[in-house]
PDB file of N, CA and C in Angstrom:
ATOM      1  N   MET A   1     -86.179 -39.859 -31.757  1.00  0.00           N
ATOM      2  CA  MET A   1     -87.326 -40.918 -31.841  1.00  0.00           C
ATOM      3  C   MET A   1     -87.492 -41.441 -33.271  1.00  0.00           C
ATOM      4  N   HIS A   2     -87.653 -42.612 -33.822  1.00  0.00           N
ATOM      5  CA  HIS A   2     -87.479 -43.015 -35.080  1.00  0.00           C
ATOM      6  C   HIS A   2     -88.691 -42.708 -35.788  1.00  0.00           C
ATOM      7  N   THR A   3     -88.949 -42.146 -36.967  1.00  0.00           N
ATOM      8  CA  THR A   3     -90.066 -41.607 -37.440  1.00  0.00           C
ATOM      9  C   THR A   3     -91.457 -42.614 -37.593  1.00  0.00           C
ATOM     10  N   ASN A   4     -91.253 -43.958 -37.992  1.00  0.00           N
ATOM     11  CA  ASN A   4     -92.289 -44.760 -37.847  1.00  0.00           C
ATOM     12  C   ASN A   4     -92.926 -45.083 -36.604  1.00  0.00           C
ATOM     13  N   GLU A   5     -91.926 -44.986 -35.305  1.00  0.00           N
ATOM     14  CA  GLU A   5     -92.381 -45.278 -34.090  1.00  0.00           C
ATOM     15  C   GLU A   5     -93.574 -43.720 -33.836  1.00  0.00           C
ATOM     16  N   ALA A   6     -92.877 -42.752 -34.214  1.00  0.00           N
ATOM     17  CA  ALA A   6     -93.361 -41.560 -34.056  1.00  0.00           C
ATOM     18  C   ALA A   6     -94.764 -41.471 -34.694  1.00  0.00           C
ATOM     19  N   GLN A   7     -95.064 -42.045 -35.948  1.00  0.00           N
ATOM     20  CA  GLN A   7     -96.019 -42.185 -36.550  1.00  0.00           C
ATOM     21  C   GLN A   7     -97.088 -43.399 -35.771  1.00  0.00           C
ATOM     22  N   SER A   8     -96.720 -44.219 -35.278  1.00  0.00           N
ATOM     23  CA  SER A   8     -97.502 -45.358 -34.860  1.00  0.00           C
ATOM     24  C   SER A   8     -98.189 -44.748 -33.588  1.00  0.00           C
ATOM     25  N   LEU A   9     -97.171 -43.743 -32.861  1.00  0.00           N
ATOM     26  CA  LEU A   9     -97.952 -43.170 -31.658  1.00  0.00           C
ATOM     27  C   LEU A   9     -98.822 -41.863 -32.264  1.00  0.00           C
ATOM     28  N   ASP A  10     -98.970 -41.872 -33.448  1.00  0.00           N
ATOM     29  CA  ASP A  10    -100.192 -40.708 -33.911  1.00  0.00           C
ATOM     30  C   ASP A  10     -98.853 -39.230 -33.578  1.00  0.00           C
ATOM     31  N   LEU A  11     -97.580 -39.157 -33.645  1.00  0.00           N
ATOM     32  CA  LEU A  11     -96.899 -38.168 -33.385  1.00  0.00           C
ATOM     33  C   LEU A  11     -95.988 -37.874 -34.944  1.00  0.00           C
ATOM     34  N   MET A  12     -95.700 -36.632 -34.993  1.00  0.00           N
ATOM     35  CA  MET A  12     -94.555 -36.273 -35.616  1.00  0.00           C
ATOM     36  C   MET A  12     -93.926 -35.372 -35.497  1.00  0.00           C
ATOM     37  N   ASP A  13     -92.552 -35.105 -36.189  1.00  0.00           N
ATOM     38  CA  ASP A  13     -91.171 -34.131 -35.840  1.00  0.00           C
ATOM     39  C   ASP A  13     -91.983 -32.887 -35.724  1.00  0.00           C
ATOM     40  N   GLY A  14     -91.708 -32.340 -34.365  1.00  0.00           N
ATOM     41  CA  GLY A  14     -92.265 -31.034 -34.180  1.00  0.00           C
ATOM     42  C   GLY A  14     -93.035 -30.886 -33.192  1.00  0.00           C
ATOM     43  N   ASP A  15     -93.983 -32.038 -32.719  1.00  0.00           N
ATOM     44  CA  ASP A  15     -94.971 -32.381 -31.914  1.00  0.00           C
ATOM     45  C   ASP A  15     -94.343 -31.768 -30.436  1.00  0.00           C
ATOM     46  N   PRO A  16     -95.569 -30.996 -29.796  1.00  0.00           N
ATOM     47  CA  PRO A  16     -94.912 -31.099 -28.338  1.00  0.00           C
ATOM     48  C   PRO A  16     -95.273 -32.329 -27.703  1.00  0.00           C
ATOM     49  N   VAL A  17     -94.669 -33.015 -26.780  1.00  0.00           N
ATOM     50  CA  VAL A  17     -94.994 -34.290 -26.311  1.00  0.00           C
ATOM     51  C   VAL A  17     -94.834 -34.292 -24.705  1.00  0.00           C
ATOM     52  N   CYS A  18     -95.525 -34.839 -23.850  1.00  0.00           N
ATOM     53  CA  CYS A  18     -95.449 -35.319 -22.459  1.00  0.00           C
ATOM     54  C   CYS A  18     -95.099 -36.697 -22.487  1.00  0.00           C
ATOM     55  N   ILE A  19     -93.901 -36.684 -21.532  1.00  0.00           N
ATOM     56  CA  ILE A  19     -93.706 -38.178 -21.131  1.00  0.00           C
ATOM     57  C   ILE A  19     -94.103 -38.183 -19.532  1.00  0.00           C
ATOM     58  N   GLN A  20     -94.896 -39.068 -19.272  1.00  0.00           N
ATOM     59  CA  GLN A  20     -95.351 -39.317 -17.958  1.00  0.00           C
ATOM     60  C   GLN A  20     -94.432 -40.322 -17.156  1.00  0.00           C
ATOM     61  N   THR A  21     -93.528 -40.013 -16.117  1.00  0.00           N
ATOM     62  CA  THR A  21     -92.957 -40.920 -15.319  1.00  0.00           C
ATOM     63  C   THR A  21     -93.291 -40.983 -13.748  1.00  0.00           C
ATOM     64  N   GLU A  22     -92.759 -41.746 -13.190  1.00  0.00           N
ATOM     65  CA  GLU A  22     -93.359 -42.246 -11.542  1.00  0.00           C
ATOM     66  C   GLU A  22     -92.698 -40.791 -10.837  1.00  0.00           C
ATOM     67  N   ASN A  23     -91.797 -40.306 -11.461  1.00  0.00           N
ATOM     68  CA  ASN A  23     -91.154 -38.906 -11.070  1.00  0.00           C
ATOM     69  C   ASN A  23     -91.858 -37.496 -11.183  1.00  0.00           C
ATOM     70  N   GLY A  24     -92.258 -37.655 -12.682  1.00  0.00           N
ATOM     71  CA  GLY A  24     -93.475 -36.382 -12.684  1.00  0.00           C
ATOM     72  C   GLY A  24     -93.450 -36.529 -14.368  1.00  0.00           C
ATOM     73  N   ASN A  25     -94.268 -35.416 -15.140  1.00  0.00           N
ATOM     74  CA  ASN A  25     -93.870 -35.206 -16.414  1.00  0.00           C
ATOM     75  C   ASN A  25     -92.899 -34.415 -16.922  1.00  0.00           C
ATOM     76  N   PHE A  26     -92.617 -34.709 -17.984  1.00  0.00           N
ATOM     77  CA  PHE A  26     -91.397 -34.348 -18.824  1.00  0.00           C
ATOM     78  C   PHE A  26     -92.006 -33.801 -20.243  1.00  0.00           C
ATOM     79  N   ARG A  27     -91.981 -32.390 -20.234  1.00  0.00           N
ATOM     80  CA  ARG A  27     -92.571 -31.657 -21.931  1.00  0.00           C
ATOM     81  C   ARG A  27     -91.265 -31.446 -22.781  1.00  0.00           C
ATOM     82  N   ALA A  28     -91.341 -31.852 -23.845  1.00  0.00           N
ATOM     83  CA  ALA A  28     -90.590 -31.412 -24.935  1.00  0.00           C
ATOM     84  C   ALA A  28     -90.753 -31.121 -26.211  1.00  0.00           C
ATOM     85  N   ILE A  29     -90.055 -30.728 -27.050  1.00  0.00           N
ATOM     86  CA  ILE A  29     -90.541 -31.006 -28.692  1.00  0.00           C
ATOM     87  C   ILE A  29     -90.002 -31.991 -28.971  1.00  0.00           C
ATOM     88  N   LEU A  30     -91.073 -32.841 -29.830  1.00  0.00           N
ATOM     89  CA  LEU A  30     -90.198 -34.046 -30.429  1.00  0.00           C
ATOM     90  C   LEU A  30     -89.730 -33.857 -31.606  1.00  0.00           C
ATOM     91  N   ARG A  31     -88.485 -35.051 -31.954  1.00  0.00           N
ATOM     92  CA  ARG A  31     -87.595 -34.807 -32.939  1.00  0.00           C
ATOM     93  C   ARG A  31     -87.617 -35.805 -33.613  1.00  0.00           C
ATOM     94  N   ALA A  32     -88.411 -36.388 -34.630  1.00  0.00           N
ATOM     95  CA  ALA A  32     -88.212 -37.782 -35.272  1.00  0.00           C
ATOM     96  C   ALA A  32     -87.243 -37.858 -36.377  1.00  0.00           C
ATOM     97  N   ALA A  33     -86.465 -38.797 -36.968  1.00  0.00           N
ATOM     98  CA  ALA A  33     -85.650 -38.775 -37.708  1.00  0.00           C
ATOM     99  C   ALA A  33     -85.406 -40.464 -38.384  1.00  0.00           C
ATOM    100  N   GLU A  34     -85.577 -40.428 -39.388  1.00  0.00           N
ATOM    101  CA  GLU A  34     -85.382 -41.810 -40.238  1.00  0.00           C
ATOM    102  C   GLU A  34     -84.006 -42.472 -39.714  1.00  0.00           C
ATOM    103  N   ASN A  35     -83.129 -41.545 -39.395  1.00  0.00           N
ATOM    104  CA  ASN A  35     -81.530 -42.357 -39.311  1.00  0.00           C
ATOM    105  C   ASN A  35     -81.611 -42.663 -37.516  1.00  0.00           C
ATOM    106  N   MET A  36     -82.572 -42.642 -36.793  1.00  0.00           N
ATOM    107  CA  MET A  36     -82.638 -42.624 -35.224  1.00  0.00           C
ATOM    108  C   MET A  36     -83.090 -44.329 -35.050  1.00  0.00           C
ATOM    109  N   ALA A  37     -82.302 -44.702 -34.124  1.00  0.00           N
ATOM    110  CA  ALA A  37     -82.570 -46.346 -33.853  1.00  0.00           C
ATOM    111  C   ALA A  37     -84.032 -46.300 -33.246  1.00  0.00           C
ATOM    112  N   THR A  38     -84.563 -47.404 -33.836  1.00  0.00           N
ATOM    113  CA  THR A  38     -85.763 -47.947 -33.063  1.00  0.00           C
ATOM    114  C   THR A  38     -85.718 -48.423 -31.956  1.00  0.00           C
ATOM    115  N   GLY A  39     -86.842 -47.907 -31.108  1.00  0.00           N
ATOM    116  CA  GLY A  39     -86.857 -48.073 -29.463  1.00  0.00           C
ATOM    117  C   GLY A  39     -85.878 -47.583 -28.663  1.00  0.00           C
ATOM    118  N   VAL A  40     -85.441 -46.067 -29.411  1.00  0.00           N
ATOM    119  CA  VAL A  40     -84.726 -45.237 -28.900  1.00  0.00           C
ATOM    120  C   VAL A  40     -85.261 -43.645 -28.632  1.00  0.00           C
ATOM    121  N   LEU A  41     -85.259 -43.289 -27.396  1.00  0.00           N
ATOM    122  CA  LEU A  41     -85.537 -41.969 -27.062  1.00  0.00           C
ATOM    123  C   LEU A  41     -84.581 -41.129 -26.355  1.00  0.00           C
ATOM    124  N   VAL A  42     -83.622 -40.075 -27.382  1.00  0.00           N
ATOM    125  CA  VAL A  42     -82.855 -39.322 -26.562  1.00  0.00           C
ATOM    126  C   VAL A  42     -83.222 -37.977 -25.720  1.00  0.00           C
ATOM    127  N   VAL A  43     -83.140 -37.911 -24.636  1.00  0.00           N
ATOM    128  CA  VAL A  43     -83.388 -36.678 -23.989  1.00  0.00           C
ATOM    129  C   VAL A  43     -82.066 -36.128 -23.416  1.00  0.00           C
ATOM    130  N   PRO A  44     -81.775 -34.689 -24.232  1.00  0.00           N
ATOM    131  CA  PRO A  44     -80.797 -33.993 -23.777  1.00  0.00           C
ATOM    132  C   PRO A  44     -80.636 -33.285 -22.623  1.00  0.00           C
ATOM    133  N   ARG A  45     -79.427 -33.111 -21.915  1.00  0.00           N
ATOM    134  CA  ARG A  45     -79.631 -32.543 -20.918  1.00  0.00           C
ATOM    135  C   ARG A  45     -79.270 -31.089 -21.137  1.00  0.00           C
ATOM    136  N   HIS A  46     -80.154 -30.218 -21.358  1.00  0.00           N
ATOM    137  CA  HIS A  46     -80.281 -28.993 -21.516  1.00  0.00           C
ATOM    138  C   HIS A  46     -80.837 -28.128 -20.254  1.00  0.00           C
ATOM    139  N   ARG A  47     -80.168 -26.913 -20.189  1.00  0.00           N
ATOM    140  CA  ARG A  47     -80.755 -26.160 -19.037  1.00  0.00           C
ATOM    141  C   ARG A  47     -81.990 -26.019 -18.917  1.00  0.00           C
ATOM    142  N   LYS A  48     -82.859 -25.647 -20.269  1.00  0.00           N
ATOM    143  CA  LYS A  48     -84.236 -25.349 -20.496  1.00  0.00           C
ATOM    144  C   LYS A  48     -85.399 -26.433 -20.435  1.00  0.00           C
ATOM    145  N   LEU A  49     -84.640 -27.487 -20.216  1.00  0.00           N
ATOM    146  CA  LEU A  49     -85.356 -28.617 -20.103  1.00  0.00           C
ATOM    147  C   LEU A  49     -85.279 -29.438 -18.778  1.00  0.00           C
ATOM    148  N   ALA A  50     -86.608 -30.056 -18.114  1.00  0.00           N
ATOM    149  CA  ALA A  50     -86.196 -30.763 -16.994  1.00  0.00           C
ATOM    150  C   ALA A  50     -85.847 -31.949 -16.860  1.00  0.00           C
ATOM    151  N   TRP A  51     -85.011 -32.716 -17.231  1.00  0.00           N
ATOM    152  CA  TRP A  51     -84.238 -34.050 -17.868  1.00  0.00           C
ATOM    153  C   TRP A  51     -84.004 -34.357 -16.202  1.00  0.00           C
ATOM    154  N   GLN A  52     -83.916 -33.827 -15.240  1.00  0.00           N
ATOM    155  CA  GLN A  52     -83.286 -34.178 -14.083  1.00  0.00           C
ATOM    156  C   GLN A  52     -84.639 -34.951 -13.239  1.00  0.00           C
ATOM    157  N   ILE A  53     -85.818 -35.150 -13.469  1.00  0.00           N
ATOM    158  CA  ILE A  53     -86.893 -35.933 -13.349  1.00  0.00           C
ATOM    159  C   ILE A  53     -86.557 -37.629 -13.483  1.00  0.00           C
ATOM    160  N   PHE A  54     -85.537 -37.681 -14.679  1.00  0.00           N
ATOM    161  CA  PHE A  54     -85.601 -39.123 -14.813  1.00  0.00           C
ATOM    162  C   PHE A  54     -84.087 -39.531 -13.783  1.00  0.00           C
ATOM    163  N   LYS A  55     -83.831 -38.806 -13.087  1.00  0.00           N
ATOM    164  CA  LYS A  55     -82.800 -39.576 -11.945  1.00  0.00           C
ATOM    165  C   LYS A  55     -81.405 -40.282 -12.492  1.00  0.00           C
ATOM    166  N   THR A  56     -81.778 -40.920 -13.594  1.00  0.00           N
ATOM    167  CA  THR A  56     -80.796 -41.741 -14.075  1.00  0.00           C
ATOM    168  C   THR A  56     -80.142 -41.835 -15.292  1.00  0.00           C
ATOM    169  N   ASP A  57     -79.032 -42.359 -15.823  1.00  0.00           N
ATOM    170  CA  ASP A  57     -78.695 -42.234 -17.395  1.00  0.00           C
ATOM    171  C   ASP A  57     -79.719 -42.724 -18.207  1.00  0.00           C
ATOM    172  N   ARG A  58     -80.345 -44.303 -17.885  1.00  0.00           N
ATOM    173  CA  ARG A  58     -81.142 -44.603 -18.726  1.00  0.00           C
ATOM    174  C   ARG A  58     -82.532 -45.309 -17.825  1.00  0.00           C
ATOM    175  N   ILE A  59     -83.495 -45.074 -18.906  1.00  0.00           N
ATOM    176  CA  ILE A  59     -84.738 -45.908 -18.075  1.00  0.00           C
ATOM    177  C   ILE A  59     -85.516 -46.243 -19.181  1.00  0.00           C
ATOM    178  N   HIS A  60     -86.567 -47.155 -18.667  1.00  0.00           N
ATOM    179  CA  HIS A  60     -87.473 -47.795 -19.881  1.00  0.00           C
ATOM    180  C   HIS A  60     -88.835 -46.920 -19.688  1.00  0.00           C
ATOM    181  N   ILE A  61     -89.335 -46.348 -20.838  1.00  0.00           N
ATOM    182  CA  ILE A  61     -90.283 -45.789 -21.032  1.00  0.00           C
ATOM    183  C   ILE A  61     -91.197 -46.776 -21.781  1.00  0.00           C
ATOM    184  N   SER A  62     -92.465 -46.952 -21.431  1.00  0.00           N
ATOM    185  CA  SER A  62     -93.414 -47.586 -22.433  1.00  0.00           C
ATOM    186  C   SER A  62     -94.142 -46.643 -23.295  1.00  0.00           C
ATOM    187  N   ARG A  63     -94.431 -47.097 -24.334  1.00  0.00           N
ATOM    188  CA  ARG A  63     -95.220 -46.809 -25.537  1.00  0.00           C
ATOM    189  C   ARG A  63     -96.506 -45.249 -24.913  1.00  0.00           C
ATOM    190  N   GLU A  64     -97.397 -45.888 -23.864  1.00  0.00           N
ATOM    191  CA  GLU A  64     -98.252 -45.526 -23.099  1.00  0.00           C
ATOM    192  C   GLU A  64     -97.739 -44.352 -22.060  1.00  0.00           C
ATOM    193  N   GLN A  65     -96.845 -43.995 -22.087  1.00  0.00           N
ATOM    194  CA  GLN A  65     -96.243 -43.200 -21.195  1.00  0.00           C
ATOM    195  C   GLN A  65     -95.659 -41.929 -22.180  1.00  0.00           C
ATOM    196  N   ILE A  66     -95.823 -42.021 -23.406  1.00  0.00           N
ATOM    197  CA  ILE A  66     -95.396 -41.086 -24.556  1.00  0.00           C
ATOM    198  C   ILE A  66     -96.749 -40.401 -24.993  1.00  0.00           C
ATOM    199  N   LYS A  67     -97.135 -39.358 -24.967  1.00  0.00           N
ATOM    200  CA  LYS A  67     -98.306 -38.543 -25.418  1.00  0.00           C
ATOM    201  C   LYS A  67     -98.032 -37.160 -25.947  1.00  0.00           C
ATOM    202  N   LYS A  68     -98.752 -36.866 -27.056  1.00  0.00           N
ATOM    203  CA  LYS A  68     -99.072 -35.523 -27.200  1.00  0.00           C
ATOM    204  C   LYS A  68     -99.443 -34.462 -26.263  1.00  0.00           C
ATOM    205  N   ALA A  69     -98.742 -33.569 -26.427  1.00  0.00           N
ATOM    206  CA  ALA A  69     -99.071 -32.650 -25.293  1.00  0.00           C
ATOM    207  C   ALA A  69    -100.186 -31.349 -25.600  1.00  0.00           C
ATOM    208  N   VAL A  70    -101.092 -31.636 -24.397  1.00  0.00           N
ATOM    209  CA  VAL A  70    -102.111 -30.762 -24.720  1.00  0.00           C
ATOM    210  C   VAL A  70    -102.062 -29.146 -23.832  1.00  0.00           C
ATOM    211  N   ASP A  71    -102.399 -28.230 -24.334  1.00  0.00           N
ATOM    212  CA  ASP A  71    -102.028 -27.113 -23.342  1.00  0.00           C
ATOM    213  C   ASP A  71    -103.103 -26.811 -22.326  1.00  0.00           C
TER     214      ASP A  71
END
């Protein structure tokens, strides 16, 4: 995620985040960078991440669906 977008959501690089979807919640550590395209959030297909809940290659996520995760 671009650093400006992260800041506008009150998030910073390294924050745990939860993305709420109709298929369930996805939790990960946010990586924010200046060289990231604005409006883009990349989720890697890693065996330790539950990326399969997204079902397709691309989905649209609103800003309201991205929250700082709380334990």
